[in-house]
Amino acid sequence: ITQNGIFPRGIQSDDGFPFESYCHP
């Protein structure tokens, strides 16, 4: 949840929670 709206965690521009590091089932 951001000032600009709600964004899915791990989107391509998400450097804070990158897909490659935080999605590994």
mmCIF file of all heavy atoms, coordinates in Angstrom:
data_MODEL
# 
_entry.id   MODEL 
# 
loop_
_atom_site.group_PDB 
_atom_site.id 
_atom_site.type_symbol 
_atom_site.label_atom_id 
_atom_site.label_alt_id 
_atom_site.label_comp_id 
_atom_site.label_asym_id 
_atom_site.label_entity_id 
_atom_site.label_seq_id 
_atom_site.pdbx_PDB_ins_code 
_atom_site.Cartn_x 
_atom_site.Cartn_y 
_atom_site.Cartn_z 
_atom_site.occupancy 
_atom_site.B_iso_or_equiv 
_atom_site.pdbx_formal_charge 
_atom_site.auth_seq_id 
_atom_site.auth_comp_id 
_atom_site.auth_asym_id 
_atom_site.auth_atom_id 
_atom_site.pdbx_PDB_model_num 
ATOM 1   N N   . ILE A 1 1  ? 0.861  -1.180  0.000   1.00 0.00 ? 1  ILE A N   1 
ATOM 2   C CA  . ILE A 1 1  ? 0.000  0.000   0.000   1.00 0.00 ? 1  ILE A CA  1 
ATOM 3   C C   . ILE A 1 1  ? 0.896  1.227   0.000   1.00 0.00 ? 1  ILE A C   1 
ATOM 4   O O   . ILE A 1 1  ? 1.716  1.412   0.905   1.00 0.00 ? 1  ILE A O   1 
ATOM 5   C CB  . ILE A 1 1  ? -0.932 0.015   1.222   1.00 0.00 ? 1  ILE A CB  1 
ATOM 6   C CG1 . ILE A 1 1  ? -1.779 -1.259  1.261   1.00 0.00 ? 1  ILE A CG1 1 
ATOM 7   C CG2 . ILE A 1 1  ? -1.833 1.241   1.189   1.00 0.00 ? 1  ILE A CG2 1 
ATOM 8   C CD1 . ILE A 1 1  ? -2.705 -1.349  2.462   1.00 0.00 ? 1  ILE A CD1 1 
ATOM 9   N N   . THR A 1 2  ? 0.778  2.052   -1.022  1.00 0.00 ? 2  THR A N   1 
ATOM 10  C CA  . THR A 1 2  ? 1.625  3.218   -1.188  1.00 0.00 ? 2  THR A CA  1 
ATOM 11  C C   . THR A 1 2  ? 0.774  4.467   -1.331  1.00 0.00 ? 2  THR A C   1 
ATOM 12  O O   . THR A 1 2  ? -0.453 4.402   -1.397  1.00 0.00 ? 2  THR A O   1 
ATOM 13  C CB  . THR A 1 2  ? 2.514  3.078   -2.441  1.00 0.00 ? 2  THR A CB  1 
ATOM 14  O OG1 . THR A 1 2  ? 1.745  3.404   -3.604  1.00 0.00 ? 2  THR A OG1 1 
ATOM 15  C CG2 . THR A 1 2  ? 3.058  1.658   -2.582  1.00 0.00 ? 2  THR A CG2 1 
ATOM 16  N N   . GLN A 1 3  ? 1.422  5.608   -1.388  1.00 0.00 ? 3  GLN A N   1 
ATOM 17  C CA  . GLN A 1 3  ? 0.703  6.860   -1.616  1.00 0.00 ? 3  GLN A CA  1 
ATOM 18  C C   . GLN A 1 3  ? 0.103  6.911   -3.012  1.00 0.00 ? 3  GLN A C   1 
ATOM 19  O O   . GLN A 1 3  ? -0.819 7.687   -3.266  1.00 0.00 ? 3  GLN A O   1 
ATOM 20  C CB  . GLN A 1 3  ? 1.652  8.047   -1.419  1.00 0.00 ? 3  GLN A CB  1 
ATOM 21  C CG  . GLN A 1 3  ? 2.044  8.279   0.027   1.00 0.00 ? 3  GLN A CG  1 
ATOM 22  C CD  . GLN A 1 3  ? 3.029  9.412   0.179   1.00 0.00 ? 3  GLN A CD  1 
ATOM 23  O OE1 . GLN A 1 3  ? 4.168  9.312   -0.275  1.00 0.00 ? 3  GLN A OE1 1 
ATOM 24  N NE2 . GLN A 1 3  ? 2.611  10.495  0.803   1.00 0.00 ? 3  GLN A NE2 1 
ATOM 25  N N   . ASN A 1 4  ? 0.606  6.082   -3.909  1.00 0.00 ? 4  ASN A N   1 
ATOM 26  C CA  . ASN A 1 4  ? 0.140  6.069   -5.296  1.00 0.00 ? 4  ASN A CA  1 
ATOM 27  C C   . ASN A 1 4  ? -0.861 4.957   -5.583  1.00 0.00 ? 4  ASN A C   1 
ATOM 28  O O   . ASN A 1 4  ? -1.249 4.751   -6.726  1.00 0.00 ? 4  ASN A O   1 
ATOM 29  C CB  . ASN A 1 4  ? 1.341  5.915   -6.234  1.00 0.00 ? 4  ASN A CB  1 
ATOM 30  C CG  . ASN A 1 4  ? 2.351  7.019   -6.049  1.00 0.00 ? 4  ASN A CG  1 
ATOM 31  O OD1 . ASN A 1 4  ? 1.997  8.188   -6.014  1.00 0.00 ? 4  ASN A OD1 1 
ATOM 32  N ND2 . ASN A 1 4  ? 3.616  6.659   -5.909  1.00 0.00 ? 4  ASN A ND2 1 
ATOM 33  N N   . GLY A 1 5  ? -1.267 4.242   -4.553  1.00 0.00 ? 5  GLY A N   1 
ATOM 34  C CA  . GLY A 1 5  ? -2.207 3.144   -4.749  1.00 0.00 ? 5  GLY A CA  1 
ATOM 35  C C   . GLY A 1 5  ? -1.652 1.844   -4.199  1.00 0.00 ? 5  GLY A C   1 
ATOM 36  O O   . GLY A 1 5  ? -0.608 1.822   -3.544  1.00 0.00 ? 5  GLY A O   1 
ATOM 37  N N   . ILE A 1 6  ? -2.347 0.760   -4.491  1.00 0.00 ? 6  ILE A N   1 
ATOM 38  C CA  . ILE A 1 6  ? -1.908 -0.568  -4.052  1.00 0.00 ? 6  ILE A CA  1 
ATOM 39  C C   . ILE A 1 6  ? -1.197 -1.263  -5.209  1.00 0.00 ? 6  ILE A C   1 
ATOM 40  O O   . ILE A 1 6  ? -1.704 -1.289  -6.334  1.00 0.00 ? 6  ILE A O   1 
ATOM 41  C CB  . ILE A 1 6  ? -3.109 -1.409  -3.577  1.00 0.00 ? 6  ILE A CB  1 
ATOM 42  C CG1 . ILE A 1 6  ? -3.755 -0.756  -2.352  1.00 0.00 ? 6  ILE A CG1 1 
ATOM 43  C CG2 . ILE A 1 6  ? -2.677 -2.828  -3.239  1.00 0.00 ? 6  ILE A CG2 1 
ATOM 44  C CD1 . ILE A 1 6  ? -4.959 -1.501  -1.819  1.00 0.00 ? 6  ILE A CD1 1 
ATOM 45  N N   . PHE A 1 7  ? -0.026 -1.825  -4.928  1.00 0.00 ? 7  PHE A N   1 
ATOM 46  C CA  . PHE A 1 7  ? 0.755  -2.516  -5.947  1.00 0.00 ? 7  PHE A CA  1 
ATOM 47  C C   . PHE A 1 7  ? 1.012  -3.959  -5.521  1.00 0.00 ? 7  PHE A C   1 
ATOM 48  O O   . PHE A 1 7  ? 1.273  -4.227  -4.349  1.00 0.00 ? 7  PHE A O   1 
ATOM 49  C CB  . PHE A 1 7  ? 2.097  -1.818  -6.172  1.00 0.00 ? 7  PHE A CB  1 
ATOM 50  C CG  . PHE A 1 7  ? 1.989  -0.469  -6.818  1.00 0.00 ? 7  PHE A CG  1 
ATOM 51  C CD1 . PHE A 1 7  ? 1.800  0.669   -6.053  1.00 0.00 ? 7  PHE A CD1 1 
ATOM 52  C CD2 . PHE A 1 7  ? 2.054  -0.336  -8.193  1.00 0.00 ? 7  PHE A CD2 1 
ATOM 53  C CE1 . PHE A 1 7  ? 1.680  1.923   -6.636  1.00 0.00 ? 7  PHE A CE1 1 
ATOM 54  C CE2 . PHE A 1 7  ? 1.936  0.904   -8.795  1.00 0.00 ? 7  PHE A CE2 1 
ATOM 55  C CZ  . PHE A 1 7  ? 1.754  2.045   -8.014  1.00 0.00 ? 7  PHE A CZ  1 
ATOM 56  N N   . PRO A 1 8  ? 0.954  -4.896  -6.462  1.00 0.00 ? 8  PRO A N   1 
ATOM 57  C CA  . PRO A 1 8  ? 1.276  -6.289  -6.137  1.00 0.00 ? 8  PRO A CA  1 
ATOM 58  C C   . PRO A 1 8  ? 2.741  -6.401  -5.708  1.00 0.00 ? 8  PRO A C   1 
ATOM 59  O O   . PRO A 1 8  ? 3.627  -5.839  -6.361  1.00 0.00 ? 8  PRO A O   1 
ATOM 60  C CB  . PRO A 1 8  ? 1.029  -7.035  -7.452  1.00 0.00 ? 8  PRO A CB  1 
ATOM 61  C CG  . PRO A 1 8  ? 0.169  -6.117  -8.266  1.00 0.00 ? 8  PRO A CG  1 
ATOM 62  C CD  . PRO A 1 8  ? 0.552  -4.737  -7.870  1.00 0.00 ? 8  PRO A CD  1 
ATOM 63  N N   . ARG A 1 9  ? 3.007  -7.096  -4.635  1.00 0.00 ? 9  ARG A N   1 
ATOM 64  C CA  . ARG A 1 9  ? 4.380  -7.278  -4.168  1.00 0.00 ? 9  ARG A CA  1 
ATOM 65  C C   . ARG A 1 9  ? 5.156  -8.098  -5.180  1.00 0.00 ? 9  ARG A C   1 
ATOM 66  O O   . ARG A 1 9  ? 4.690  -9.122  -5.660  1.00 0.00 ? 9  ARG A O   1 
ATOM 67  C CB  . ARG A 1 9  ? 4.343  -7.969  -2.799  1.00 0.00 ? 9  ARG A CB  1 
ATOM 68  C CG  . ARG A 1 9  ? 5.684  -8.162  -2.105  1.00 0.00 ? 9  ARG A CG  1 
ATOM 69  C CD  . ARG A 1 9  ? 6.354  -6.872  -1.718  1.00 0.00 ? 9  ARG A CD  1 
ATOM 70  N NE  . ARG A 1 9  ? 5.567  -5.976  -0.907  1.00 0.00 ? 9  ARG A NE  1 
ATOM 71  C CZ  . ARG A 1 9  ? 5.427  -6.044  0.419   1.00 0.00 ? 9  ARG A CZ  1 
ATOM 72  N NH1 . ARG A 1 9  ? 5.975  -7.027  1.094   1.00 0.00 ? 9  ARG A NH1 1 
ATOM 73  N NH2 . ARG A 1 9  ? 4.729  -5.134  1.070   1.00 0.00 ? 9  ARG A NH2 1 
ATOM 74  N N   . GLY A 1 10 ? 6.363  -7.626  -5.512  1.00 0.00 ? 10 GLY A N   1 
ATOM 75  C CA  . GLY A 1 10 ? 7.231  -8.354  -6.431  1.00 0.00 ? 10 GLY A CA  1 
ATOM 76  C C   . GLY A 1 10 ? 7.052  -8.002  -7.894  1.00 0.00 ? 10 GLY A C   1 
ATOM 77  O O   . GLY A 1 10 ? 7.515  -8.762  -8.762  1.00 0.00 ? 10 GLY A O   1 
ATOM 78  N N   . ILE A 1 11 ? 6.410  -6.851  -8.196  1.00 0.00 ? 11 ILE A N   1 
ATOM 79  C CA  . ILE A 1 11 ? 6.309  -6.447  -9.595  1.00 0.00 ? 11 ILE A CA  1 
ATOM 80  C C   . ILE A 1 11 ? 7.705  -6.174  -10.145 1.00 0.00 ? 11 ILE A C   1 
ATOM 81  O O   . ILE A 1 11 ? 8.685  -6.089  -9.402  1.00 0.00 ? 11 ILE A O   1 
ATOM 82  C CB  . ILE A 1 11 ? 5.404  -5.205  -9.757  1.00 0.00 ? 11 ILE A CB  1 
ATOM 83  C CG1 . ILE A 1 11 ? 5.925  -4.045  -8.895  1.00 0.00 ? 11 ILE A CG1 1 
ATOM 84  C CG2 . ILE A 1 11 ? 3.966  -5.541  -9.409  1.00 0.00 ? 11 ILE A CG2 1 
ATOM 85  C CD1 . ILE A 1 11 ? 5.133  -2.760  -9.060  1.00 0.00 ? 11 ILE A CD1 1 
ATOM 86  N N   . GLN A 1 12 ? 7.813  -5.987  -11.457 1.00 0.00 ? 12 GLN A N   1 
ATOM 87  C CA  . GLN A 1 12 ? 9.120  -5.893  -12.086 1.00 0.00 ? 12 GLN A CA  1 
ATOM 88  C C   . GLN A 1 12 ? 9.962  -4.746  -11.518 1.00 0.00 ? 12 GLN A C   1 
ATOM 89  O O   . GLN A 1 12 ? 11.182 -4.857  -11.396 1.00 0.00 ? 12 GLN A O   1 
ATOM 90  C CB  . GLN A 1 12 ? 8.972  -5.730  -13.601 1.00 0.00 ? 12 GLN A CB  1 
ATOM 91  C CG  . GLN A 1 12 ? 10.289 -5.801  -14.355 1.00 0.00 ? 12 GLN A CG  1 
ATOM 92  C CD  . GLN A 1 12 ? 10.091 -5.890  -15.854 1.00 0.00 ? 12 GLN A CD  1 
ATOM 93  O OE1 . GLN A 1 12 ? 8.982  -5.714  -16.353 1.00 0.00 ? 12 GLN A OE1 1 
ATOM 94  N NE2 . GLN A 1 12 ? 11.159 -6.163  -16.574 1.00 0.00 ? 12 GLN A NE2 1 
ATOM 95  N N   . SER A 1 13 ? 9.330  -3.648  -11.134 1.00 0.00 ? 13 SER A N   1 
ATOM 96  C CA  . SER A 1 13 ? 10.065 -2.493  -10.631 1.00 0.00 ? 13 SER A CA  1 
ATOM 97  C C   . SER A 1 13 ? 10.246 -2.520  -9.114  1.00 0.00 ? 13 SER A C   1 
ATOM 98  O O   . SER A 1 13 ? 10.744 -1.562  -8.529  1.00 0.00 ? 13 SER A O   1 
ATOM 99  C CB  . SER A 1 13 ? 9.337  -1.207  -11.028 1.00 0.00 ? 13 SER A CB  1 
ATOM 100 O OG  . SER A 1 13 ? 8.022  -1.188  -10.491 1.00 0.00 ? 13 SER A OG  1 
ATOM 101 N N   . ASP A 1 14 ? 9.854  -3.618  -8.471  1.00 0.00 ? 14 ASP A N   1 
ATOM 102 C CA  . ASP A 1 14 ? 9.926  -3.707  -7.014  1.00 0.00 ? 14 ASP A CA  1 
ATOM 103 C C   . ASP A 1 14 ? 11.324 -4.141  -6.580  1.00 0.00 ? 14 ASP A C   1 
ATOM 104 O O   . ASP A 1 14 ? 11.626 -5.317  -6.449  1.00 0.00 ? 14 ASP A O   1 
ATOM 105 C CB  . ASP A 1 14 ? 8.879  -4.695  -6.499  1.00 0.00 ? 14 ASP A CB  1 
ATOM 106 C CG  . ASP A 1 14 ? 8.692  -4.624  -4.993  1.00 0.00 ? 14 ASP A CG  1 
ATOM 107 O OD1 . ASP A 1 14 ? 9.556  -4.017  -4.330  1.00 0.00 ? 14 ASP A OD1 1 
ATOM 108 O OD2 . ASP A 1 14 ? 7.692  -5.158  -4.490  1.00 0.00 ? 14 ASP A OD2 1 
ATOM 109 N N   . ASP A 1 15 ? 12.177 -3.155  -6.334  1.00 0.00 ? 15 ASP A N   1 
ATOM 110 C CA  . ASP A 1 15 ? 13.529 -3.469  -5.880  1.00 0.00 ? 15 ASP A CA  1 
ATOM 111 C C   . ASP A 1 15 ? 13.551 -3.813  -4.398  1.00 0.00 ? 15 ASP A C   1 
ATOM 112 O O   . ASP A 1 15 ? 14.475 -4.474  -3.926  1.00 0.00 ? 15 ASP A O   1 
ATOM 113 C CB  . ASP A 1 15 ? 14.458 -2.275  -6.126  1.00 0.00 ? 15 ASP A CB  1 
ATOM 114 C CG  . ASP A 1 15 ? 14.639 -1.982  -7.604  1.00 0.00 ? 15 ASP A CG  1 
ATOM 115 O OD1 . ASP A 1 15 ? 14.698 -2.943  -8.384  1.00 0.00 ? 15 ASP A OD1 1 
ATOM 116 O OD2 . ASP A 1 15 ? 14.686 -0.795  -7.980  1.00 0.00 ? 15 ASP A OD2 1 
ATOM 117 N N   . GLY A 1 16 ? 12.571 -3.347  -3.650  1.00 0.00 ? 16 GLY A N   1 
ATOM 118 C CA  . GLY A 1 16 ? 12.521 -3.632  -2.227  1.00 0.00 ? 16 GLY A CA  1 
ATOM 119 C C   . GLY A 1 16 ? 12.226 -5.090  -1.946  1.00 0.00 ? 16 GLY A C   1 
ATOM 120 O O   . GLY A 1 16 ? 12.798 -5.696  -1.038  1.00 0.00 ? 16 GLY A O   1 
ATOM 121 N N   . PHE A 1 17 ? 11.309 -5.674  -2.734  1.00 0.00 ? 17 PHE A N   1 
ATOM 122 C CA  . PHE A 1 17 ? 10.940 -7.090  -2.577  1.00 0.00 ? 17 PHE A CA  1 
ATOM 123 C C   . PHE A 1 17 ? 10.946 -7.741  -3.963  1.00 0.00 ? 17 PHE A C   1 
ATOM 124 O O   . PHE A 1 17 ? 9.902  -8.035  -4.532  1.00 0.00 ? 17 PHE A O   1 
ATOM 125 C CB  . PHE A 1 17 ? 9.561  -7.208  -1.925  1.00 0.00 ? 17 PHE A CB  1 
ATOM 126 C CG  . PHE A 1 17 ? 9.502  -6.658  -0.528  1.00 0.00 ? 17 PHE A CG  1 
ATOM 127 C CD1 . PHE A 1 17 ? 9.144  -5.340  -0.300  1.00 0.00 ? 17 PHE A CD1 1 
ATOM 128 C CD2 . PHE A 1 17 ? 9.827  -7.458  0.557   1.00 0.00 ? 17 PHE A CD2 1 
ATOM 129 C CE1 . PHE A 1 17 ? 9.086  -4.826  0.992   1.00 0.00 ? 17 PHE A CE1 1 
ATOM 130 C CE2 . PHE A 1 17 ? 9.775  -6.955  1.847   1.00 0.00 ? 17 PHE A CE2 1 
ATOM 131 C CZ  . PHE A 1 17 ? 9.410  -5.632  2.065   1.00 0.00 ? 17 PHE A CZ  1 
ATOM 132 N N   . PRO A 1 18 ? 12.129 -7.950  -4.540  1.00 0.00 ? 18 PRO A N   1 
ATOM 133 C CA  . PRO A 1 18 ? 12.215 -8.486  -5.902  1.00 0.00 ? 18 PRO A CA  1 
ATOM 134 C C   . PRO A 1 18 ? 11.713 -9.921  -5.994  1.00 0.00 ? 18 PRO A C   1 
ATOM 135 O O   . PRO A 1 18 ? 11.907 -10.721 -5.072  1.00 0.00 ? 18 PRO A O   1 
ATOM 136 C CB  . PRO A 1 18 ? 13.704 -8.401  -6.227  1.00 0.00 ? 18 PRO A CB  1 
ATOM 137 C CG  . PRO A 1 18 ? 14.389 -8.405  -4.896  1.00 0.00 ? 18 PRO A CG  1 
ATOM 138 C CD  . PRO A 1 18 ? 13.465 -7.695  -3.959  1.00 0.00 ? 18 PRO A CD  1 
ATOM 139 N N   . PHE A 1 19 ? 11.093 -10.227 -7.109  1.00 0.00 ? 19 PHE A N   1 
ATOM 140 C CA  . PHE A 1 19 ? 10.554 -11.561 -7.359  1.00 0.00 ? 19 PHE A CA  1 
ATOM 141 C C   . PHE A 1 19 ? 11.622 -12.633 -7.215  1.00 0.00 ? 19 PHE A C   1 
ATOM 142 O O   . PHE A 1 19 ? 11.402 -13.679 -6.589  1.00 0.00 ? 19 PHE A O   1 
ATOM 143 C CB  . PHE A 1 19 ? 9.953  -11.600 -8.775  1.00 0.00 ? 19 PHE A CB  1 
ATOM 144 C CG  . PHE A 1 19 ? 9.669  -12.977 -9.289  1.00 0.00 ? 19 PHE A CG  1 
ATOM 145 C CD1 . PHE A 1 19 ? 8.532  -13.664 -8.896  1.00 0.00 ? 19 PHE A CD1 1 
ATOM 146 C CD2 . PHE A 1 19 ? 10.542 -13.604 -10.179 1.00 0.00 ? 19 PHE A CD2 1 
ATOM 147 C CE1 . PHE A 1 19 ? 8.266  -14.943 -9.362  1.00 0.00 ? 19 PHE A CE1 1 
ATOM 148 C CE2 . PHE A 1 19 ? 10.279 -14.883 -10.658 1.00 0.00 ? 19 PHE A CE2 1 
ATOM 149 C CZ  . PHE A 1 19 ? 9.141  -15.549 -10.243 1.00 0.00 ? 19 PHE A CZ  1 
ATOM 150 N N   . GLU A 1 20 ? 12.793 -12.385 -7.786  1.00 0.00 ? 20 GLU A N   1 
ATOM 151 C CA  . GLU A 1 20 ? 13.847 -13.402 -7.778  1.00 0.00 ? 20 GLU A CA  1 
ATOM 152 C C   . GLU A 1 20 ? 14.303 -13.752 -6.363  1.00 0.00 ? 20 GLU A C   1 
ATOM 153 O O   . GLU A 1 20 ? 14.761 -14.874 -6.122  1.00 0.00 ? 20 GLU A O   1 
ATOM 154 C CB  . GLU A 1 20 ? 15.051 -12.923 -8.604  1.00 0.00 ? 20 GLU A CB  1 
ATOM 155 C CG  . GLU A 1 20 ? 14.817 -12.894 -10.113 1.00 0.00 ? 20 GLU A CG  1 
ATOM 156 C CD  . GLU A 1 20 ? 14.093 -11.636 -10.575 1.00 0.00 ? 20 GLU A CD  1 
ATOM 157 O OE1 . GLU A 1 20 ? 13.752 -10.793 -9.718  1.00 0.00 ? 20 GLU A OE1 1 
ATOM 158 O OE2 . GLU A 1 20 ? 13.859 -11.494 -11.786 1.00 0.00 ? 20 GLU A OE2 1 
ATOM 159 N N   . SER A 1 21 ? 14.169 -12.818 -5.427  1.00 0.00 ? 21 SER A N   1 
ATOM 160 C CA  . SER A 1 21 ? 14.642 -13.054 -4.064  1.00 0.00 ? 21 SER A CA  1 
ATOM 161 C C   . SER A 1 21 ? 13.532 -13.452 -3.103  1.00 0.00 ? 21 SER A C   1 
ATOM 162 O O   . SER A 1 21 ? 13.791 -14.127 -2.103  1.00 0.00 ? 21 SER A O   1 
ATOM 163 C CB  . SER A 1 21 ? 15.330 -11.795 -3.519  1.00 0.00 ? 21 SER A CB  1 
ATOM 164 O OG  . SER A 1 21 ? 16.443 -11.442 -4.310  1.00 0.00 ? 21 SER A OG  1 
ATOM 165 N N   . TYR A 1 22 ? 12.303 -13.050 -3.395  1.00 0.00 ? 22 TYR A N   1 
ATOM 166 C CA  . TYR A 1 22 ? 11.220 -13.231 -2.431  1.00 0.00 ? 22 TYR A CA  1 
ATOM 167 C C   . TYR A 1 22 ? 10.068 -14.093 -2.940  1.00 0.00 ? 22 TYR A C   1 
ATOM 168 O O   . TYR A 1 22 ? 9.001  -14.117 -2.355  1.00 0.00 ? 22 TYR A O   1 
ATOM 169 C CB  . TYR A 1 22 ? 10.685 -11.870 -1.991  1.00 0.00 ? 22 TYR A CB  1 
ATOM 170 C CG  . TYR A 1 22 ? 11.603 -11.129 -1.059  1.00 0.00 ? 22 TYR A CG  1 
ATOM 171 C CD1 . TYR A 1 22 ? 12.623 -10.335 -1.561  1.00 0.00 ? 22 TYR A CD1 1 
ATOM 172 C CD2 . TYR A 1 22 ? 11.465 -11.232 0.325   1.00 0.00 ? 22 TYR A CD2 1 
ATOM 173 C CE1 . TYR A 1 22 ? 13.477 -9.649  -0.713  1.00 0.00 ? 22 TYR A CE1 1 
ATOM 174 C CE2 . TYR A 1 22 ? 12.318 -10.554 1.180   1.00 0.00 ? 22 TYR A CE2 1 
ATOM 175 C CZ  . TYR A 1 22 ? 13.312 -9.765  0.658   1.00 0.00 ? 22 TYR A CZ  1 
ATOM 176 O OH  . TYR A 1 22 ? 14.161 -9.097  1.493   1.00 0.00 ? 22 TYR A OH  1 
ATOM 177 N N   . CYS A 1 23 ? 10.276 -14.772 -4.058  1.00 0.00 ? 23 CYS A N   1 
ATOM 178 C CA  . CYS A 1 23 ? 9.279  -15.751 -4.521  1.00 0.00 ? 23 CYS A CA  1 
ATOM 179 C C   . CYS A 1 23 ? 10.027 -17.001 -4.924  1.00 0.00 ? 23 CYS A C   1 
ATOM 180 O O   . CYS A 1 23 ? 10.588 -17.071 -6.008  1.00 0.00 ? 23 CYS A O   1 
ATOM 181 C CB  . CYS A 1 23 ? 8.460  -15.216 -5.699  1.00 0.00 ? 23 CYS A CB  1 
ATOM 182 S SG  . CYS A 1 23 ? 7.246  -16.411 -6.316  1.00 0.00 ? 23 CYS A SG  1 
ATOM 183 N N   . HIS A 1 24 ? 10.045 -17.996 -4.047  1.00 0.00 ? 24 HIS A N   1 
ATOM 184 C CA  . HIS A 1 24 ? 10.806 -19.213 -4.331  1.00 0.00 ? 24 HIS A CA  1 
ATOM 185 C C   . HIS A 1 24 ? 10.148 -20.410 -3.678  1.00 0.00 ? 24 HIS A C   1 
ATOM 186 O O   . HIS A 1 24 ? 10.694 -21.005 -2.751  1.00 0.00 ? 24 HIS A O   1 
ATOM 187 C CB  . HIS A 1 24 ? 12.251 -19.080 -3.855  1.00 0.00 ? 24 HIS A CB  1 
ATOM 188 C CG  . HIS A 1 24 ? 12.417 -18.116 -2.720  1.00 0.00 ? 24 HIS A CG  1 
ATOM 189 N ND1 . HIS A 1 24 ? 11.756 -18.248 -1.520  1.00 0.00 ? 24 HIS A ND1 1 
ATOM 190 C CD2 . HIS A 1 24 ? 13.136 -16.980 -2.634  1.00 0.00 ? 24 HIS A CD2 1 
ATOM 191 C CE1 . HIS A 1 24 ? 12.086 -17.258 -0.729  1.00 0.00 ? 24 HIS A CE1 1 
ATOM 192 N NE2 . HIS A 1 24 ? 12.918 -16.465 -1.363  1.00 0.00 ? 24 HIS A NE2 1 
ATOM 193 N N   . PRO A 1 25 ? 8.949  -20.795 -4.148  1.00 0.00 ? 25 PRO A N   1 
ATOM 194 C CA  . PRO A 1 25 ? 8.238  -21.913 -3.524  1.00 0.00 ? 25 PRO A CA  1 
ATOM 195 C C   . PRO A 1 25 ? 8.777  -23.282 -3.888  1.00 0.00 ? 25 PRO A C   1 
ATOM 196 O O   . PRO A 1 25 ? 8.268  -24.289 -3.422  1.00 0.00 ? 25 PRO A O   1 
ATOM 197 C CB  . PRO A 1 25 ? 6.814  -21.736 -4.057  1.00 0.00 ? 25 PRO A CB  1 
ATOM 198 C CG  . PRO A 1 25 ? 6.999  -21.068 -5.381  1.00 0.00 ? 25 PRO A CG  1 
ATOM 199 C CD  . PRO A 1 25 ? 8.193  -20.163 -5.220  1.00 0.00 ? 25 PRO A CD  1 
# 
